[in-house]
Amino acid sequence: MAALEALRTPERAQVLATLLKAHPELAAEAEWMATTMLSAASRDEVSAELTSTLAGYEFADMDAEDVGVCDPEDACVYLVEKALDPYHAEIRRRASLGLVNAAHGIAAGVLVSLYGLRVYENSEEHVLGGAGSMAGYADRVTALLRDLDIPLPQDILRAACPTWAASSATSARRP
């Protein structure tokens, strides 16, 4: 087992592909395991991870090479969008596999995080203060779900962001 544990992710993928080619009878079990893994999106884990990323931004991050030269507000928006992009991609991926509950779990985690981070809106003491309305970013998540034809159920929306849900977090606010 020591060699398997030492493998990097691409090498593990190659071993799995080779193993399944040699033993096609394992394909159904591997598919079941993959589906189970992809279905296990945890709202709380997503929220904690995203909150850590967004709250952890510092003004020095606005000078990162990938941000480029732009005004401070554009840099703030860029950093938030950069953090959100992988979650949008994961929502799309889960939806394309028919894993609607997993897509909803990721979306709810993003919404919970954004809702909690609204305390930084308009703050001059944090990068998120220049990024615009957190509700605007939440609207992008709910719009993505609508576009994928898997809108977030209202009870999940209300649980994730109570006051936004009451004022319709799905309106077209711009961050």
Protein backbone atom coordinates (compact mmCIF):
# COMPACT_ATOMS: atom_id res chain seq x y z
CA MET A 1 0.00 0.00 0.00
CA ALA A 2 2.94 2.37 0.44
CA ALA A 3 3.30 2.88 -3.33
CA LEU A 4 -0.43 3.66 -3.74
CA GLU A 5 -0.28 6.21 -0.95
CA ALA A 6 2.74 7.86 -2.56
CA LEU A 7 0.96 8.40 -5.88
CA ARG A 8 -0.03 11.87 -6.99
CA THR A 9 -3.60 12.51 -8.15
CA PRO A 10 -2.92 12.04 -11.90
CA GLU A 11 -1.02 8.85 -11.17
CA ARG A 12 -3.91 7.54 -9.05
CA ALA A 13 -6.30 8.33 -11.91
CA GLN A 14 -4.08 6.36 -14.28
CA VAL A 15 -4.00 3.38 -11.89
CA LEU A 16 -7.83 3.50 -11.59
CA ALA A 17 -8.26 3.65 -15.38
CA THR A 18 -5.84 0.74 -15.86
CA LEU A 19 -7.51 -1.28 -13.12
CA LEU A 20 -10.98 -0.73 -14.60
CA LYS A 21 -9.72 -1.67 -18.05
CA ALA A 22 -8.28 -4.90 -16.66
CA HIS A 23 -11.34 -5.60 -14.50
CA PRO A 24 -14.45 -4.16 -16.19
CA GLU A 25 -16.62 -5.97 -13.64
CA LEU A 26 -15.53 -3.28 -11.16
CA ALA A 27 -16.92 -0.44 -13.30
CA ALA A 28 -20.38 -0.43 -11.69
CA GLU A 29 -18.89 -0.33 -8.20
CA ALA A 30 -16.45 2.44 -9.20
CA GLU A 31 -19.34 4.40 -10.74
CA TRP A 32 -21.36 4.00 -7.56
CA MET A 33 -18.41 5.21 -5.45
CA ALA A 34 -17.86 8.20 -7.74
CA THR A 35 -21.53 9.15 -7.61
CA THR A 36 -21.55 8.79 -3.83
CA MET A 37 -18.48 11.00 -3.54
CA LEU A 38 -19.91 13.68 -5.83
CA SER A 39 -23.27 13.56 -4.03
CA ALA A 40 -21.73 14.33 -0.66
CA ALA A 41 -21.52 18.10 -1.07
CA SER A 42 -21.85 19.60 2.39
CA ARG A 43 -23.43 23.02 2.72
CA ASP A 44 -21.50 23.64 5.94
CA GLU A 45 -18.13 22.58 4.47
CA VAL A 46 -18.65 24.75 1.38
CA SER A 47 -19.71 27.71 3.52
CA ALA A 48 -16.74 27.37 5.88
CA GLU A 49 -14.24 26.99 3.03
CA LEU A 50 -15.58 29.96 1.04
CA THR A 51 -15.90 32.15 4.13
CA SER A 52 -12.30 31.38 5.05
CA THR A 53 -11.14 32.33 1.56
CA LEU A 54 -13.16 35.53 1.26
CA ALA A 55 -12.67 36.74 4.83
CA GLY A 56 -8.99 35.91 4.54
CA TYR A 57 -8.35 38.32 1.69
CA GLU A 58 -6.05 41.17 2.56
CA PHE A 59 -5.44 44.40 0.71
CA ALA A 60 -2.09 43.02 -0.44
CA ASP A 61 -4.03 40.39 -2.44
CA MET A 62 -5.29 43.19 -4.66
CA ASP A 63 -1.72 43.57 -5.94
CA ALA A 64 -1.39 39.94 -7.00
CA GLU A 65 -0.11 39.35 -10.51
CA ASP A 66 -3.36 37.76 -11.72
CA VAL A 67 -5.41 40.77 -10.60
CA GLY A 68 -3.66 43.08 -13.03
CA VAL A 69 -3.70 46.84 -13.00
CA CYS A 70 -7.18 48.17 -12.32
CA ASP A 71 -9.03 50.37 -9.92
CA PRO A 72 -9.41 49.07 -6.35
CA GLU A 73 -13.12 48.24 -6.65
CA ASP A 74 -12.51 46.15 -9.79
CA ALA A 75 -9.72 44.34 -7.95
CA CYS A 76 -12.08 43.56 -5.06
CA VAL A 77 -14.75 42.26 -7.44
CA TYR A 78 -12.14 40.18 -9.27
CA LEU A 79 -11.01 38.52 -6.04
CA VAL A 80 -14.57 37.62 -5.03
CA GLU A 81 -15.39 36.27 -8.49
CA LYS A 82 -12.13 34.29 -8.52
CA ALA A 83 -13.15 32.65 -5.23
CA LEU A 84 -16.70 31.95 -6.46
CA ASP A 85 -15.84 30.56 -9.91
CA PRO A 86 -14.87 27.05 -8.71
CA TYR A 87 -18.17 26.75 -6.84
CA HIS A 88 -20.14 27.80 -9.91
CA ALA A 89 -18.21 25.18 -11.91
CA GLU A 90 -18.98 22.51 -9.30
CA ILE A 91 -22.68 23.42 -9.33
CA ARG A 92 -22.68 23.03 -13.14
CA ARG A 93 -20.78 19.74 -12.94
CA ARG A 94 -23.10 18.22 -10.35
CA ALA A 95 -26.17 19.40 -12.29
CA SER A 96 -24.84 17.88 -15.53
CA LEU A 97 -24.58 14.54 -13.73
CA GLY A 98 -28.14 14.81 -12.43
CA LEU A 99 -26.95 15.32 -8.86
CA VAL A 100 -29.39 18.10 -8.09
CA ASN A 101 -29.21 17.72 -4.30
CA ALA A 102 -25.43 18.04 -4.44
CA ALA A 103 -25.69 21.12 -6.67
CA HIS A 104 -28.18 22.60 -4.22
CA GLY A 105 -25.88 21.78 -1.30
CA ILE A 106 -22.99 23.65 -2.90
CA ALA A 107 -25.23 26.58 -3.82
CA ALA A 108 -26.67 26.77 -0.30
CA GLY A 109 -23.16 26.74 1.16
CA VAL A 110 -22.16 29.63 -1.09
CA LEU A 111 -25.30 31.56 -0.10
CA VAL A 112 -24.73 30.97 3.62
CA SER A 113 -21.17 32.24 3.25
CA LEU A 114 -22.15 35.34 1.29
CA TYR A 115 -24.97 36.07 3.73
CA GLY A 116 -22.57 35.92 6.66
CA LEU A 117 -20.04 38.12 4.90
CA ARG A 118 -22.48 40.96 4.27
CA VAL A 119 -21.10 42.55 7.45
CA TYR A 120 -18.09 43.59 5.36
CA GLU A 121 -20.13 45.48 2.77
CA ASN A 122 -18.98 49.09 2.51
CA SER A 123 -16.23 48.47 5.06
CA GLU A 124 -13.03 50.37 4.42
CA GLU A 125 -11.22 47.92 6.68
CA HIS A 126 -11.64 44.82 4.49
CA VAL A 127 -11.23 43.91 0.83
CA LEU A 128 -14.88 42.83 0.63
CA GLY A 129 -15.91 46.40 1.40
CA GLY A 130 -15.07 47.37 -2.18
CA ALA A 131 -16.60 44.29 -3.80
CA GLY A 132 -20.19 45.48 -3.80
CA SER A 133 -23.29 43.80 -2.47
CA MET A 134 -22.94 40.20 -1.34
CA ALA A 135 -26.60 39.79 -2.32
CA GLY A 136 -25.58 40.55 -5.90
CA TYR A 137 -23.20 37.59 -5.88
CA ALA A 138 -25.95 35.47 -4.32
CA ASP A 139 -28.23 36.48 -7.18
CA ARG A 140 -25.69 35.05 -9.61
CA VAL A 141 -25.86 31.70 -7.84
CA THR A 142 -29.66 31.58 -7.90
CA ALA A 143 -29.64 32.71 -11.56
CA LEU A 144 -27.21 29.91 -12.42
CA LEU A 145 -29.54 27.38 -10.81
CA ARG A 146 -32.50 28.77 -12.74
CA ASP A 147 -30.49 28.61 -15.98
CA LEU A 148 -29.68 24.97 -15.22
CA ASP A 149 -33.42 24.42 -14.64
CA ILE A 150 -32.86 23.38 -11.02
CA PRO A 151 -33.95 26.44 -9.03
CA LEU A 152 -33.20 26.39 -5.35
CA PRO A 153 -36.29 25.48 -3.32
CA GLN A 154 -37.59 28.42 -1.26
CA ASP A 155 -37.13 26.62 2.05
CA ILE A 156 -33.42 26.13 1.33
CA LEU A 157 -33.13 29.74 0.17
CA ARG A 158 -34.83 31.00 3.35
CA ALA A 159 -32.58 28.85 5.54
CA ALA A 160 -29.42 30.02 3.76
CA CYS A 161 -30.15 33.74 3.68
CA PRO A 162 -33.32 34.65 5.59
CA THR A 163 -33.61 38.38 5.01
CA TRP A 164 -32.45 38.15 1.40
CA ALA A 165 -35.02 35.45 0.72
CA ALA A 166 -37.69 37.70 2.22
CA SER A 167 -36.65 40.56 -0.05
CA SER A 168 -36.06 38.18 -2.98
CA ALA A 169 -32.39 37.32 -3.28
CA THR A 170 -33.12 36.40 -6.87
CA SER A 171 -33.58 39.91 -8.20
CA ALA A 172 -30.97 41.29 -10.54
CA ARG A 173 -28.76 43.19 -8.10
CA ARG A 174 -25.27 44.00 -9.28
CA PRO A 175 -22.39 43.35 -6.85
